Amino acid sequence: MPKLTPIMASEPSAAALLDMPLDVFRDLVEAGAIPPGRHIAPGLVRWDVDQLKRIGRAETCDGMDDVTW
């Protein structure tokens, strides 16, 4: 059976994907630096893995369209 690639991540997995401690991840979400997870069912919050990848590549920075890296 092929290995599945997750499309959504739990809070601990999302923090791990960004290589940061869970408490730092939570602080950044609370501060608005990282978007909050999505409620996909009652009591079930998940983060979009593609969006986490864009955050890791700094592709989600507002106001930086004119910067050439």
C-alpha atoms as a PDB file:
ATOM      1  CA  MET A   1       0.000   0.000   0.000  1.00  0.00           C
ATOM      2  CA  PRO A   2       1.429   3.439  -0.901  1.00  0.00           C
ATOM      3  CA  LYS A   3       2.367   5.819   1.872  1.00  0.00           C
ATOM      4  CA  LEU A   4      -0.317   8.442   2.420  1.00  0.00           C
ATOM      5  CA  THR A   5       0.631  12.108   2.370  1.00  0.00           C
ATOM      6  CA  PRO A   6      -1.383  14.031   4.960  1.00  0.00           C
ATOM      7  CA  ILE A   7      -3.368  17.023   3.772  1.00  0.00           C
ATOM      8  CA  MET A   8      -4.266  18.195   7.283  1.00  0.00           C
ATOM      9  CA  ALA A   9      -2.196  18.128  10.484  1.00  0.00           C
ATOM     10  CA  SER A  10      -3.060  18.108  14.169  1.00  0.00           C
ATOM     11  CA  GLU A  11      -1.631  20.882  16.338  1.00  0.00           C
ATOM     12  CA  PRO A  12       1.382  18.808  17.494  1.00  0.00           C
ATOM     13  CA  SER A  13       2.043  17.628  13.945  1.00  0.00           C
ATOM     14  CA  ALA A  14       1.760  21.169  12.558  1.00  0.00           C
ATOM     15  CA  ALA A  15       4.309  22.394  15.100  1.00  0.00           C
ATOM     16  CA  ALA A  16       6.596  19.499  14.234  1.00  0.00           C
ATOM     17  CA  LEU A  17       6.291  20.218  10.506  1.00  0.00           C
ATOM     18  CA  LEU A  18       7.525  23.752  11.208  1.00  0.00           C
ATOM     19  CA  ASP A  19      10.239  22.321  13.497  1.00  0.00           C
ATOM     20  CA  MET A  20       9.179  24.255  16.579  1.00  0.00           C
ATOM     21  CA  PRO A  21       8.043  23.404  20.086  1.00  0.00           C
ATOM     22  CA  LEU A  22       4.299  23.137  20.556  1.00  0.00           C
ATOM     23  CA  ASP A  23       4.174  26.050  23.019  1.00  0.00           C
ATOM     24  CA  VAL A  24       5.963  28.337  20.525  1.00  0.00           C
ATOM     25  CA  PHE A  25       3.566  27.239  17.776  1.00  0.00           C
ATOM     26  CA  ARG A  26       0.582  28.011  20.023  1.00  0.00           C
ATOM     27  CA  ASP A  27       2.010  31.441  20.903  1.00  0.00           C
ATOM     28  CA  LEU A  28       2.511  32.275  17.207  1.00  0.00           C
ATOM     29  CA  VAL A  29      -1.042  31.187  16.374  1.00  0.00           C
ATOM     30  CA  GLU A  30      -2.397  33.273  19.256  1.00  0.00           C
ATOM     31  CA  ALA A  31      -0.345  36.283  18.097  1.00  0.00           C
ATOM     32  CA  GLY A  32      -1.686  35.894  14.547  1.00  0.00           C
ATOM     33  CA  ALA A  33       1.709  35.089  13.012  1.00  0.00           C
ATOM     34  CA  ILE A  34       0.431  31.649  12.010  1.00  0.00           C
ATOM     35  CA  PRO A  35      -3.184  31.225  10.905  1.00  0.00           C
ATOM     36  CA  PRO A  36      -5.421  29.266  13.261  1.00  0.00           C
ATOM     37  CA  GLY A  37      -6.418  25.739  12.440  1.00  0.00           C
ATOM     38  CA  ARG A  38      -9.724  24.876  10.827  1.00  0.00           C
ATOM     39  CA  HIS A  39     -12.546  23.243  12.734  1.00  0.00           C
ATOM     40  CA  ILE A  40     -13.301  20.288  10.480  1.00  0.00           C
ATOM     41  CA  ALA A  41     -15.650  18.589  12.955  1.00  0.00           C
ATOM     42  CA  PRO A  42     -16.842  19.280  16.495  1.00  0.00           C
ATOM     43  CA  GLY A  43     -13.742  19.333  18.677  1.00  0.00           C
ATOM     44  CA  LEU A  44     -11.429  18.546  15.752  1.00  0.00           C
ATOM     45  CA  VAL A  45      -9.024  21.276  14.604  1.00  0.00           C
ATOM     46  CA  ARG A  46      -6.503  20.713  11.832  1.00  0.00           C
ATOM     47  CA  TRP A  47      -3.972  22.795   9.900  1.00  0.00           C
ATOM     48  CA  ASP A  48      -3.677  22.639   6.113  1.00  0.00           C
ATOM     49  CA  VAL A  49      -0.295  21.055   5.311  1.00  0.00           C
ATOM     50  CA  ASP A  50       0.076  22.987   2.039  1.00  0.00           C
ATOM     51  CA  GLN A  51      -0.459  26.239   3.931  1.00  0.00           C
ATOM     52  CA  LEU A  52       2.175  25.197   6.493  1.00  0.00           C
ATOM     53  CA  LYS A  53       4.595  24.572   3.618  1.00  0.00           C
ATOM     54  CA  ARG A  54       3.910  28.072   2.250  1.00  0.00           C
ATOM     55  CA  ILE A  55       4.553  29.524   5.716  1.00  0.00           C
ATOM     56  CA  GLY A  56       7.851  27.648   5.859  1.00  0.00           C
ATOM     57  CA  ARG A  57       8.835  29.097   2.470  1.00  0.00           C
ATOM     58  CA  ALA A  58       7.752  32.613   3.570  1.00  0.00           C
ATOM     59  CA  GLU A  59       5.237  32.732   0.723  1.00  0.00           C
ATOM     60  CA  THR A  60       2.467  34.029   2.974  1.00  0.00           C
ATOM     61  CA  CYS A  61       4.067  37.320   4.064  1.00  0.00           C
ATOM     62  CA  ASP A  62       1.768  40.295   3.525  1.00  0.00           C
ATOM     63  CA  GLY A  63       3.239  43.520   2.236  1.00  0.00           C
ATOM     64  CA  MET A  64       6.375  41.920   0.807  1.00  0.00           C
ATOM     65  CA  ASP A  65       5.287  41.650  -2.841  1.00  0.00           C
ATOM     66  CA  ASP A  66       7.913  44.140  -4.013  1.00  0.00           C
ATOM     67  CA  VAL A  67      10.838  42.312  -2.346  1.00  0.00           C
ATOM     68  CA  THR A  68      13.087  40.185  -4.541  1.00  0.00           C
ATOM     69  CA  TRP A  69      14.765  37.418  -2.597  1.00  0.00           C
END
